[in-house]
Amino acid sequence: MFSTIALFWALCLVCIINMMRYFSSLRALLSILRQSDPLLYQSVDGNGFFTTHGQLNKQIRLVNYINSQRYLDHHDPEVVLRCERLRKQFILTSALSGLVVICLISMLIWY
């Protein structure tokens, strides 16, 4: 028999690892954007993206750029590849985070 609490913590660990992969891919994308498309890099606040003084509306602009797949017309194929990977990781991380919340609520109700 398996422990539901151990299963929950394993799911949390997988979710945290995927979040770390997502942020690492985001950093890689920003470093590529710095070299290949400085205008886009500045418009999404690339220099201050992960700082406390980062501007939220510029960060949301990058998320909208990736989610609406506007990167498909970009001239650099590496940017397109990174954005596609980042989009898939975002979907996976969002689904896992939702699953963790659902599991936490169900465990609170169950126990």
PDB file of N, CA and C in Angstrom:
ATOM      1  N   MET A   1       0.842  -1.178   0.000  1.00  0.00           N
ATOM      2  CA  MET A   1       0.000   0.000   0.000  1.00  0.00           C
ATOM      3  C   MET A   1       0.889   1.245   0.000  1.00  0.00           C
ATOM      4  N   PHE A   2       0.475   2.246  -0.691  1.00  0.00           N
ATOM      5  CA  PHE A   2       1.260   3.468  -0.772  1.00  0.00           C
ATOM      6  C   PHE A   2       0.654   4.529   0.133  1.00  0.00           C
ATOM      7  N   SER A   3       1.490   5.428   0.544  1.00  0.00           N
ATOM      8  CA  SER A   3       1.062   6.510   1.412  1.00  0.00           C
ATOM      9  C   SER A   3       0.652   7.706   0.554  1.00  0.00           C
ATOM     10  N   THR A   4      -0.531   8.230   0.819  1.00  0.00           N
ATOM     11  CA  THR A   4      -0.991   9.387   0.044  1.00  0.00           C
ATOM     12  C   THR A   4      -0.155  10.630   0.347  1.00  0.00           C
ATOM     13  N   ILE A   5       0.338  10.730   1.553  1.00  0.00           N
ATOM     14  CA  ILE A   5       1.173  11.877   1.905  1.00  0.00           C
ATOM     15  C   ILE A   5       2.509  11.805   1.168  1.00  0.00           C
ATOM     16  N   ALA A   6       3.093  10.613   1.079  1.00  0.00           N
ATOM     17  CA  ALA A   6       4.340  10.450   0.332  1.00  0.00           C
ATOM     18  C   ALA A   6       4.122  10.740  -1.151  1.00  0.00           C
ATOM     19  N   LEU A   7       2.983  10.322  -1.673  1.00  0.00           N
ATOM     20  CA  LEU A   7       2.653  10.599  -3.066  1.00  0.00           C
ATOM     21  C   LEU A   7       2.475  12.102  -3.292  1.00  0.00           C
ATOM     22  N   PHE A   8       1.849  12.770  -2.343  1.00  0.00           N
ATOM     23  CA  PHE A   8       1.673  14.219  -2.438  1.00  0.00           C
ATOM     24  C   PHE A   8       3.021  14.934  -2.450  1.00  0.00           C
ATOM     25  N   TRP A   9       3.931  14.545  -1.553  1.00  0.00           N
ATOM     26  CA  TRP A   9       5.238  15.194  -1.496  1.00  0.00           C
ATOM     27  C   TRP A   9       6.069  14.884  -2.737  1.00  0.00           C
ATOM     28  N   ALA A  10       5.899  13.711  -3.297  1.00  0.00           N
ATOM     29  CA  ALA A  10       6.589  13.395  -4.545  1.00  0.00           C
ATOM     30  C   ALA A  10       6.074  14.288  -5.678  1.00  0.00           C
ATOM     31  N   LEU A  11       4.763  14.507  -5.702  1.00  0.00           N
ATOM     32  CA  LEU A  11       4.174  15.395  -6.701  1.00  0.00           C
ATOM     33  C   LEU A  11       4.669  16.827  -6.508  1.00  0.00           C
ATOM     34  N   CYS A  12       4.776  17.258  -5.268  1.00  0.00           N
ATOM     35  CA  CYS A  12       5.305  18.599  -4.985  1.00  0.00           C
ATOM     36  C   CYS A  12       6.755  18.718  -5.451  1.00  0.00           C
ATOM     37  N   LEU A  13       7.538  17.689  -5.228  1.00  0.00           N
ATOM     38  CA  LEU A  13       8.934  17.699  -5.645  1.00  0.00           C
ATOM     39  C   LEU A  13       9.051  17.782  -7.168  1.00  0.00           C
ATOM     40  N   VAL A  14       8.242  17.020  -7.874  1.00  0.00           N
ATOM     41  CA  VAL A  14       8.242  17.076  -9.337  1.00  0.00           C
ATOM     42  C   VAL A  14       7.831  18.463  -9.816  1.00  0.00           C
ATOM     43  N   CYS A  15       6.854  19.062  -9.164  1.00  0.00           N
ATOM     44  CA  CYS A  15       6.408  20.401  -9.532  1.00  0.00           C
ATOM     45  C   CYS A  15       7.515  21.430  -9.297  1.00  0.00           C
ATOM     46  N   ILE A  16       8.213  21.340  -8.200  1.00  0.00           N
ATOM     47  CA  ILE A  16       9.298  22.273  -7.895  1.00  0.00           C
ATOM     48  C   ILE A  16      10.443  22.122  -8.892  1.00  0.00           C
ATOM     49  N   ILE A  17      10.765  20.883  -9.248  1.00  0.00           N
ATOM     50  CA  ILE A  17      11.826  20.648 -10.234  1.00  0.00           C
ATOM     51  C   ILE A  17      11.433  21.243 -11.585  1.00  0.00           C
ATOM     52  N   ASN A  18      10.176  21.084 -11.981  1.00  0.00           N
ATOM     53  CA  ASN A  18       9.724  21.665 -13.241  1.00  0.00           C
ATOM     54  C   ASN A  18       9.715  23.187 -13.197  1.00  0.00           C
ATOM     55  N   MET A  19       9.415  23.777 -12.053  1.00  0.00           N
ATOM     56  CA  MET A  19       9.491  25.238 -11.918  1.00  0.00           C
ATOM     57  C   MET A  19      10.929  25.716 -12.063  1.00  0.00           C
ATOM     58  N   MET A  20      11.863  24.976 -11.485  1.00  0.00           N
ATOM     59  CA  MET A  20      13.269  25.351 -11.617  1.00  0.00           C
ATOM     60  C   MET A  20      13.715  25.234 -13.073  1.00  0.00           C
ATOM     61  N   ARG A  21      13.273  24.200 -13.772  1.00  0.00           N
ATOM     62  CA  ARG A  21      13.585  24.060 -15.196  1.00  0.00           C
ATOM     63  C   ARG A  21      12.991  25.214 -16.000  1.00  0.00           C
ATOM     64  N   TYR A  22      11.766  25.614 -15.644  1.00  0.00           N
ATOM     65  CA  TYR A  22      11.099  26.714 -16.337  1.00  0.00           C
ATOM     66  C   TYR A  22      11.875  28.021 -16.161  1.00  0.00           C
ATOM     67  N   PHE A  23      12.271  28.332 -14.931  1.00  0.00           N
ATOM     68  CA  PHE A  23      13.008  29.578 -14.687  1.00  0.00           C
ATOM     69  C   PHE A  23      14.395  29.541 -15.330  1.00  0.00           C
ATOM     70  N   SER A  24      15.016  28.373 -15.357  1.00  0.00           N
ATOM     71  CA  SER A  24      16.304  28.238 -16.022  1.00  0.00           C
ATOM     72  C   SER A  24      16.163  28.467 -17.529  1.00  0.00           C
ATOM     73  N   SER A  25      15.115  27.919 -18.118  1.00  0.00           N
ATOM     74  CA  SER A  25      14.863  28.139 -19.548  1.00  0.00           C
ATOM     75  C   SER A  25      14.541  29.597 -19.834  1.00  0.00           C
ATOM     76  N   LEU A  26      13.846  30.239 -18.911  1.00  0.00           N
ATOM     77  CA  LEU A  26      13.533  31.654 -19.067  1.00  0.00           C
ATOM     78  C   LEU A  26      14.802  32.502 -19.036  1.00  0.00           C
ATOM     79  N   ARG A  27      15.719  32.173 -18.141  1.00  0.00           N
ATOM     80  CA  ARG A  27      17.004  32.880 -18.097  1.00  0.00           C
ATOM     81  C   ARG A  27      17.787  32.667 -19.392  1.00  0.00           C
ATOM     82  N   ALA A  28      17.781  31.441 -19.898  1.00  0.00           N
ATOM     83  CA  ALA A  28      18.488  31.159 -21.158  1.00  0.00           C
ATOM     84  C   ALA A  28      17.866  31.947 -22.309  1.00  0.00           C
ATOM     85  N   LEU A  29      16.538  32.019 -22.334  1.00  0.00           N
ATOM     86  CA  LEU A  29      15.871  32.791 -23.383  1.00  0.00           C
ATOM     87  C   LEU A  29      16.251  34.261 -23.296  1.00  0.00           C
ATOM     88  N   LEU A  30      16.275  34.809 -22.099  1.00  0.00           N
ATOM     89  CA  LEU A  30      16.632  36.224 -21.939  1.00  0.00           C
ATOM     90  C   LEU A  30      18.073  36.488 -22.362  1.00  0.00           C
ATOM     91  N   SER A  31      18.973  35.558 -22.085  1.00  0.00           N
ATOM     92  CA  SER A  31      20.366  35.772 -22.509  1.00  0.00           C
ATOM     93  C   SER A  31      20.496  35.699 -24.030  1.00  0.00           C
ATOM     94  N   ILE A  32      19.697  34.842 -24.672  1.00  0.00           N
ATOM     95  CA  ILE A  32      19.712  34.774 -26.135  1.00  0.00           C
ATOM     96  C   ILE A  32      19.082  36.032 -26.723  1.00  0.00           C
ATOM     97  N   LEU A  33      18.001  36.497 -26.102  1.00  0.00           N
ATOM     98  CA  LEU A  33      17.355  37.727 -26.587  1.00  0.00           C
ATOM     99  C   LEU A  33      18.278  38.934 -26.468  1.00  0.00           C
ATOM    100  N   ARG A  34      19.112  38.954 -25.452  1.00  0.00           N
ATOM    101  CA  ARG A  34      20.035  40.076 -25.269  1.00  0.00           C
ATOM    102  C   ARG A  34      20.947  40.221 -26.484  1.00  0.00           C
ATOM    103  N   GLN A  35      21.341  39.088 -27.062  1.00  0.00           N
ATOM    104  CA  GLN A  35      22.267  39.131 -28.197  1.00  0.00           C
ATOM    105  C   GLN A  35      21.550  39.236 -29.540  1.00  0.00           C
ATOM    106  N   SER A  36      20.429  38.522 -29.687  1.00  0.00           N
ATOM    107  CA  SER A  36      19.806  38.461 -31.007  1.00  0.00           C
ATOM    108  C   SER A  36      18.750  39.539 -31.250  1.00  0.00           C
ATOM    109  N   ASP A  37      18.077  39.984 -30.194  1.00  0.00           N
ATOM    110  CA  ASP A  37      17.014  40.982 -30.366  1.00  0.00           C
ATOM    111  C   ASP A  37      17.011  41.943 -29.175  1.00  0.00           C
ATOM    112  N   PRO A  38      17.934  42.908 -29.162  1.00  0.00           N
ATOM    113  CA  PRO A  38      18.038  43.818 -28.010  1.00  0.00           C
ATOM    114  C   PRO A  38      16.779  44.644 -27.766  1.00  0.00           C
ATOM    115  N   LEU A  39      16.042  44.968 -28.821  1.00  0.00           N
ATOM    116  CA  LEU A  39      14.827  45.760 -28.642  1.00  0.00           C
ATOM    117  C   LEU A  39      13.771  44.976 -27.870  1.00  0.00           C
ATOM    118  N   LEU A  40      13.574  43.716 -28.226  1.00  0.00           N
ATOM    119  CA  LEU A  40      12.631  42.866 -27.493  1.00  0.00           C
ATOM    120  C   LEU A  40      13.123  42.622 -26.070  1.00  0.00           C
ATOM    121  N   TYR A  41      14.426  42.459 -25.917  1.00  0.00           N
ATOM    122  CA  TYR A  41      15.020  42.256 -24.594  1.00  0.00           C
ATOM    123  C   TYR A  41      14.725  43.440 -23.677  1.00  0.00           C
ATOM    124  N   GLN A  42      14.865  44.649 -24.190  1.00  0.00           N
ATOM    125  CA  GLN A  42      14.578  45.836 -23.385  1.00  0.00           C
ATOM    126  C   GLN A  42      13.086  46.000 -23.137  1.00  0.00           C
ATOM    127  N   SER A  43      12.258  45.604 -24.102  1.00  0.00           N
ATOM    128  CA  SER A  43      10.818  45.791 -23.920  1.00  0.00           C
ATOM    129  C   SER A  43      10.221  44.840 -22.900  1.00  0.00           C
ATOM    130  N   VAL A  44      10.911  43.721 -22.613  1.00  0.00           N
ATOM    131  CA  VAL A  44      10.408  42.793 -21.589  1.00  0.00           C
ATOM    132  C   VAL A  44      11.216  42.920 -20.298  1.00  0.00           C
ATOM    133  N   ASP A  45      11.973  44.012 -20.170  1.00  0.00           N
ATOM    134  CA  ASP A  45      12.756  44.300 -18.968  1.00  0.00           C
ATOM    135  C   ASP A  45      13.737  43.174 -18.675  1.00  0.00           C
ATOM    136  N   GLY A  46      14.501  42.795 -19.683  1.00  0.00           N
ATOM    137  CA  GLY A  46      15.422  41.681 -19.561  1.00  0.00           C
ATOM    138  C   GLY A  46      16.452  41.839 -18.472  1.00  0.00           C
ATOM    139  N   ASN A  47      16.951  43.054 -18.285  1.00  0.00           N
ATOM    140  CA  ASN A  47      17.988  43.271 -17.280  1.00  0.00           C
ATOM    141  C   ASN A  47      17.445  43.133 -15.859  1.00  0.00           C
ATOM    142  N   GLY A  48      16.230  43.552 -15.630  1.00  0.00           N
ATOM    143  CA  GLY A  48      15.669  43.496 -14.286  1.00  0.00           C
ATOM    144  C   GLY A  48      14.547  42.494 -14.142  1.00  0.00           C
ATOM    145  N   PHE A  49      14.534  41.475 -14.999  1.00  0.00           N
ATOM    146  CA  PHE A  49      13.403  40.549 -15.024  1.00  0.00           C
ATOM    147  C   PHE A  49      13.267  39.765 -13.723  1.00  0.00           C
ATOM    148  N   PHE A  50      14.372  39.288 -13.178  1.00  0.00           N
ATOM    149  CA  PHE A  50      14.324  38.472 -11.970  1.00  0.00           C
ATOM    150  C   PHE A  50      14.669  39.247 -10.705  1.00  0.00           C
ATOM    151  N   THR A  51      14.654  40.557 -10.766  1.00  0.00           N
ATOM    152  CA  THR A  51      14.962  41.361  -9.593  1.00  0.00           C
ATOM    153  C   THR A  51      13.676  41.822  -8.920  1.00  0.00           C
ATOM    154  N   THR A  52      13.831  42.359  -7.743  1.00  0.00           N
ATOM    155  CA  THR A  52      12.660  42.825  -7.001  1.00  0.00           C
ATOM    156  C   THR A  52      12.092  44.111  -7.597  1.00  0.00           C
ATOM    157  N   HIS A  53      12.907  44.857  -8.337  1.00  0.00           N
ATOM    158  CA  HIS A  53      12.409  46.086  -8.943  1.00  0.00           C
ATOM    159  C   HIS A  53      11.962  45.868 -10.393  1.00  0.00           C
ATOM    160  N   GLY A  54      11.805  44.611 -10.788  1.00  0.00           N
ATOM    161  CA  GLY A  54      11.328  44.307 -12.136  1.00  0.00           C
ATOM    162  C   GLY A  54       9.902  44.799 -12.333  1.00  0.00           C
ATOM    163  N   GLN A  55       9.612  45.244 -13.535  1.00  0.00           N
ATOM    164  CA  GLN A  55       8.293  45.801 -13.820  1.00  0.00           C
ATOM    165  C   GLN A  55       7.360  44.675 -14.272  1.00  0.00           C
ATOM    166  N   LEU A  56       6.282  44.519 -13.536  1.00  0.00           N
ATOM    167  CA  LEU A  56       5.351  43.413 -13.766  1.00  0.00           C
ATOM    168  C   LEU A  56       4.707  43.483 -15.146  1.00  0.00           C
ATOM    169  N   ASN A  57       4.366  44.675 -15.610  1.00  0.00           N
ATOM    170  CA  ASN A  57       3.712  44.772 -16.920  1.00  0.00           C
ATOM    171  C   ASN A  57       4.648  44.346 -18.045  1.00  0.00           C
ATOM    172  N   LYS A  58       5.947  44.573 -17.895  1.00  0.00           N
ATOM    173  CA  LYS A  58       6.901  44.116 -18.900  1.00  0.00           C
ATOM    174  C   LYS A  58       7.099  42.602 -18.832  1.00  0.00           C
ATOM    175  N   GLN A  59       7.041  42.044 -17.638  1.00  0.00           N
ATOM    176  CA  GLN A  59       7.154  40.596 -17.502  1.00  0.00           C
ATOM    177  C   GLN A  59       5.928  39.907 -18.099  1.00  0.00           C
ATOM    178  N   ILE A  60       4.779  40.494 -17.895  1.00  0.00           N
ATOM    179  CA  ILE A  60       3.553  39.951 -18.477  1.00  0.00           C
ATOM    180  C   ILE A  60       3.594  40.069 -19.995  1.00  0.00           C
ATOM    181  N   ARG A  61       4.260  41.086 -20.496  1.00  0.00           N
ATOM    182  CA  ARG A  61       4.410  41.248 -21.944  1.00  0.00           C
ATOM    183  C   ARG A  61       5.160  40.055 -22.547  1.00  0.00           C
ATOM    184  N   LEU A  62       6.189  39.558 -21.852  1.00  0.00           N
ATOM    185  CA  LEU A  62       6.917  38.384 -22.337  1.00  0.00           C
ATOM    186  C   LEU A  62       6.049  37.139 -22.284  1.00  0.00           C
ATOM    187  N   VAL A  63       5.278  36.989 -21.223  1.00  0.00           N
ATOM    188  CA  VAL A  63       4.371  35.840 -21.119  1.00  0.00           C
ATOM    189  C   VAL A  63       3.334  35.880 -22.235  1.00  0.00           C
ATOM    190  N   ASN A  64       2.787  37.044 -22.524  1.00  0.00           N
ATOM    191  CA  ASN A  64       1.826  37.168 -23.627  1.00  0.00           C
ATOM    192  C   ASN A  64       2.490  36.911 -24.974  1.00  0.00           C
ATOM    193  N   TYR A  65       3.728  37.348 -25.130  1.00  0.00           N
ATOM    194  CA  TYR A  65       4.478  37.114 -26.365  1.00  0.00           C
ATOM    195  C   TYR A  65       4.635  35.611 -26.613  1.00  0.00           C
ATOM    196  N   ILE A  66       4.918  34.881 -25.545  1.00  0.00           N
ATOM    197  CA  ILE A  66       5.122  33.435 -25.684  1.00  0.00           C
ATOM    198  C   ILE A  66       3.793  32.707 -25.822  1.00  0.00           C
ATOM    199  N   ASN A  67       2.813  33.054 -25.004  1.00  0.00           N
ATOM    200  CA  ASN A  67       1.525  32.340 -25.050  1.00  0.00           C
ATOM    201  C   ASN A  67       0.762  32.580 -26.344  1.00  0.00           C
ATOM    202  N   SER A  68       0.881  33.767 -26.927  1.00  0.00           N
ATOM    203  CA  SER A  68       0.182  34.035 -28.179  1.00  0.00           C
ATOM    204  C   SER A  68       0.990  33.581 -29.394  1.00  0.00           C
ATOM    205  N   GLN A  69       2.143  32.998 -29.164  1.00  0.00           N
ATOM    206  CA  GLN A  69       3.029  32.443 -30.190  1.00  0.00           C
ATOM    207  C   GLN A  69       3.462  33.478 -31.229  1.00  0.00           C
ATOM    208  N   ARG A  70       3.706  34.699 -30.781  1.00  0.00           N
ATOM    209  CA  ARG A  70       4.211  35.730 -31.688  1.00  0.00           C
ATOM    210  C   ARG A  70       5.674  35.506 -32.048  1.00  0.00           C
ATOM    211  N   TYR A  71       6.326  34.589 -31.356  1.00  0.00           N
ATOM    212  CA  TYR A  71       7.722  34.282 -31.622  1.00  0.00           C
ATOM    213  C   TYR A  71       7.907  33.492 -32.913  1.00  0.00           C
ATOM    214  N   LEU A  72       6.850  32.959 -33.486  1.00  0.00           N
ATOM    215  CA  LEU A  72       6.973  32.141 -34.699  1.00  0.00           C
ATOM    216  C   LEU A  72       7.506  32.941 -35.882  1.00  0.00           C
ATOM    217  N   ASP A  73       7.340  34.258 -35.875  1.00  0.00           N
ATOM    218  CA  ASP A  73       7.836  35.112 -36.957  1.00  0.00           C
ATOM    219  C   ASP A  73       9.216  35.697 -36.659  1.00  0.00           C
ATOM    220  N   HIS A  74       9.831  35.256 -35.582  1.00  0.00           N
ATOM    221  CA  HIS A  74      11.135  35.808 -35.202  1.00  0.00           C
ATOM    222  C   HIS A  74      12.207  35.337 -36.177  1.00  0.00           C
ATOM    223  N   HIS A  75      13.215  36.181 -36.408  1.00  0.00           N
ATOM    224  CA  HIS A  75      14.257  35.867 -37.391  1.00  0.00           C
ATOM    225  C   HIS A  75      15.285  34.854 -36.901  1.00  0.00           C
ATOM    226  N   ASP A  76      15.429  34.691 -35.593  1.00  0.00           N
ATOM    227  CA  ASP A  76      16.421  33.770 -35.039  1.00  0.00           C
ATOM    228  C   ASP A  76      15.750  32.438 -34.695  1.00  0.00           C
ATOM    229  N   PRO A  77      16.166  31.343 -35.321  1.00  0.00           N
ATOM    230  CA  PRO A  77      15.520  30.047 -35.035  1.00  0.00           C
ATOM    231  C   PRO A  77      15.744  29.560 -33.608  1.00  0.00           C
ATOM    232  N   GLU A  78      16.839  29.990 -32.979  1.00  0.00           N
ATOM    233  CA  GLU A  78      17.074  29.576 -31.598  1.00  0.00           C
ATOM    234  C   GLU A  78      16.061  30.219 -30.648  1.00  0.00           C
ATOM    235  N   VAL A  79      15.686  31.447 -30.915  1.00  0.00           N
ATOM    236  CA  VAL A  79      14.662  32.116 -30.103  1.00  0.00           C
ATOM    237  C   VAL A  79      13.331  31.386 -30.252  1.00  0.00           C
ATOM    238  N   VAL A  80      13.008  31.000 -31.478  1.00  0.00           N
ATOM    239  CA  VAL A  80      11.761  30.257 -31.713  1.00  0.00           C
ATOM    240  C   VAL A  80      11.781  28.939 -30.959  1.00  0.00           C
ATOM    241  N   LEU A  81      12.913  28.226 -31.007  1.00  0.00           N
ATOM    242  CA  LEU A  81      13.039  26.952 -30.307  1.00  0.00           C
ATOM    243  C   LEU A  81      12.906  27.125 -28.800  1.00  0.00           C
ATOM    244  N   ARG A  82      13.594  28.120 -28.257  1.00  0.00           N
ATOM    245  CA  ARG A  82      13.534  28.367 -26.806  1.00  0.00           C
ATOM    246  C   ARG A  82      12.131  28.783 -26.367  1.00  0.00           C
ATOM    247  N   CYS A  83      11.477  29.617 -27.150  1.00  0.00           N
ATOM    248  CA  CYS A  83      10.130  30.063 -26.799  1.00  0.00           C
ATOM    249  C   CYS A  83       9.146  28.896 -26.840  1.00  0.00           C
ATOM    250  N   GLU A  84       9.301  28.034 -27.817  1.00  0.00           N
ATOM    251  CA  GLU A  84       8.417  26.862 -27.905  1.00  0.00           C
ATOM    252  C   GLU A  84       8.626  25.948 -26.701  1.00  0.00           C
ATOM    253  N   ARG A  85       9.879  25.734 -26.334  1.00  0.00           N
ATOM    254  CA  ARG A  85      10.183  24.908 -25.169  1.00  0.00           C
ATOM    255  C   ARG A  85       9.627  25.551 -23.897  1.00  0.00           C
ATOM    256  N   LEU A  86       9.790  26.861 -23.794  1.00  0.00           N
ATOM    257  CA  LEU A  86       9.301  27.582 -22.621  1.00  0.00           C
ATOM    258  C   LEU A  86       7.787  27.526 -22.530  1.00  0.00           C
ATOM    259  N   ARG A  87       7.117  27.613 -23.652  1.00  0.00           N
ATOM    260  CA  ARG A  87       5.652  27.534 -23.674  1.00  0.00           C
ATOM    261  C   ARG A  87       5.174  26.164 -23.185  1.00  0.00           C
ATOM    262  N   LYS A  88       5.828  25.102 -23.647  1.00  0.00           N
ATOM    263  CA  LYS A  88       5.463  23.749 -23.213  1.00  0.00           C
ATOM    264  C   LYS A  88       5.743  23.560 -21.725  1.00  0.00           C
ATOM    265  N   GLN A  89       6.864  24.078 -21.257  1.00  0.00           N
ATOM    266  CA  GLN A  89       7.184  23.968 -19.837  1.00  0.00           C
ATOM    267  C   GLN A  89       6.202  24.755 -18.983  1.00  0.00           C
ATOM    268  N   PHE A  90       5.756  25.906 -19.474  1.00  0.00           N
ATOM    269  CA  PHE A  90       4.771  26.697 -18.742  1.00  0.00           C
ATOM    270  C   PHE A  90       3.460  25.937 -18.616  1.00  0.00           C
ATOM    271  N   ILE A  91       3.024  25.308 -19.691  1.00  0.00           N
ATOM    272  CA  ILE A  91       1.780  24.527 -19.652  1.00  0.00           C
ATOM    273  C   ILE A  91       1.920  23.368 -18.682  1.00  0.00           C
ATOM    274  N   LEU A  92       3.061  22.665 -18.734  1.00  0.00           N
ATOM    275  CA  LEU A  92       3.291  21.539 -17.833  1.00  0.00           C
ATOM    276  C   LEU A  92       3.346  21.986 -16.378  1.00  0.00           C
ATOM    277  N   THR A  93       4.065  23.063 -16.118  1.00  0.00           N
ATOM    278  CA  THR A  93       4.187  23.562 -14.745  1.00  0.00           C
ATOM    279  C   THR A  93       2.847  24.063 -14.216  1.00  0.00           C
ATOM    280  N   SER A  94       2.066  24.710 -15.061  1.00  0.00           N
ATOM    281  CA  SER A  94       0.739  25.172 -14.640  1.00  0.00           C
ATOM    282  C   SER A  94      -0.170  23.987 -14.302  1.00  0.00           C
ATOM    283  N   ALA A  95      -0.129  22.965 -15.130  1.00  0.00           N
ATOM    284  CA  ALA A  95      -0.951  21.783 -14.874  1.00  0.00           C
ATOM    285  C   ALA A  95      -0.515  21.077 -13.594  1.00  0.00           C
ATOM    286  N   LEU A  96       0.785  20.959 -13.395  1.00  0.00           N
ATOM    287  CA  LEU A  96       1.275  20.319 -12.169  1.00  0.00           C
ATOM    288  C   LEU A  96       0.937  21.145 -10.932  1.00  0.00           C
ATOM    289  N   SER A  97       1.037  22.457 -11.033  1.00  0.00           N
ATOM    290  CA  SER A  97       0.686  23.312  -9.897  1.00  0.00           C
ATOM    291  C   SER A  97      -0.798  23.188  -9.570  1.00  0.00           C
ATOM    292  N   GLY A  98      -1.632  23.140 -10.589  1.00  0.00           N
ATOM    293  CA  GLY A  98      -3.061  22.926 -10.365  1.00  0.00           C
ATOM    294  C   GLY A  98      -3.338  21.586  -9.725  1.00  0.00           C
ATOM    295  N   LEU A  99      -2.616  20.558 -10.167  1.00  0.00           N
ATOM    296  CA  LEU A  99      -2.782  19.224  -9.581  1.00  0.00           C
ATOM    297  C   LEU A  99      -2.344  19.196  -8.124  1.00  0.00           C
ATOM    298  N   VAL A 100      -1.272  19.914  -7.795  1.00  0.00           N
ATOM    299  CA  VAL A 100      -0.822  19.982  -6.400  1.00  0.00           C
ATOM    300  C   VAL A 100      -1.882  20.661  -5.538  1.00  0.00           C
ATOM    301  N   VAL A 101      -2.471  21.744  -6.032  1.00  0.00           N
ATOM    302  CA  VAL A 101      -3.514  22.447  -5.272  1.00  0.00           C
ATOM    303  C   VAL A 101      -4.736  21.549  -5.088  1.00  0.00           C
ATOM    304  N   ILE A 102      -5.136  20.860  -6.127  1.00  0.00           N
ATOM    305  CA  ILE A 102      -6.286  19.943  -6.023  1.00  0.00           C
ATOM    306  C   ILE A 102      -5.993  18.821  -5.030  1.00  0.00           C
ATOM    307  N   CYS A 103      -4.774  18.273  -5.085  1.00  0.00           N
ATOM    308  CA  CYS A 103      -4.399  17.214  -4.139  1.00  0.00           C
ATOM    309  C   CYS A 103      -4.371  17.731  -2.710  1.00  0.00           C
ATOM    310  N   LEU A 104      -3.884  18.953  -2.525  1.00  0.00           N
ATOM    311  CA  LEU A 104      -3.840  19.525  -1.181  1.00  0.00           C
ATOM    312  C   LEU A 104      -5.243  19.735  -0.637  1.00  0.00           C
ATOM    313  N   ILE A 105      -6.146  20.245  -1.471  1.00  0.00           N
ATOM    314  CA  ILE A 105      -7.540  20.442  -1.029  1.00  0.00           C
ATOM    315  C   ILE A 105      -8.189  19.103  -0.715  1.00  0.00           C
ATOM    316  N   SER A 106      -7.953  18.120  -1.570  1.00  0.00           N
ATOM    317  CA  SER A 106      -8.577  16.803  -1.329  1.00  0.00           C
ATOM    318  C   SER A 106      -7.988  16.147  -0.079  1.00  0.00           C
ATOM    319  N   MET A 107      -6.701  16.357   0.193  1.00  0.00           N
ATOM    320  CA  MET A 107      -6.134  15.806   1.428  1.00  0.00           C
ATOM    321  C   MET A 107      -6.689  16.508   2.661  1.00  0.00           C
ATOM    322  N   LEU A 108      -6.949  17.818   2.549  1.00  0.00           N
ATOM    323  CA  LEU A 108      -7.533  18.537   3.679  1.00  0.00           C
ATOM    324  C   LEU A 108      -8.949  18.039   3.957  1.00  0.00           C
ATOM    325  N   ILE A 109      -9.682  17.750   2.894  1.00  0.00           N
ATOM    326  CA  ILE A 109     -11.030  17.234   3.070  1.00  0.00           C
ATOM    327  C   ILE A 109     -11.006  15.797   3.573  1.00  0.00           C
ATOM    328  N   TRP A 110     -10.089  14.995   3.028  1.00  0.00           N
ATOM    329  CA  TRP A 110     -10.031  13.569   3.354  1.00  0.00           C
ATOM    330  C   TRP A 110      -9.611  13.342   4.808  1.00  0.00           C
ATOM    331  N   TYR A 111      -8.597  14.102   5.261  1.00  0.00           N
ATOM    332  CA  TYR A 111      -8.095  13.878   6.617  1.00  0.00           C
ATOM    333  C   TYR A 111      -8.714  14.853   7.521  1.00  0.00           C
TER     334      TYR A 111
END
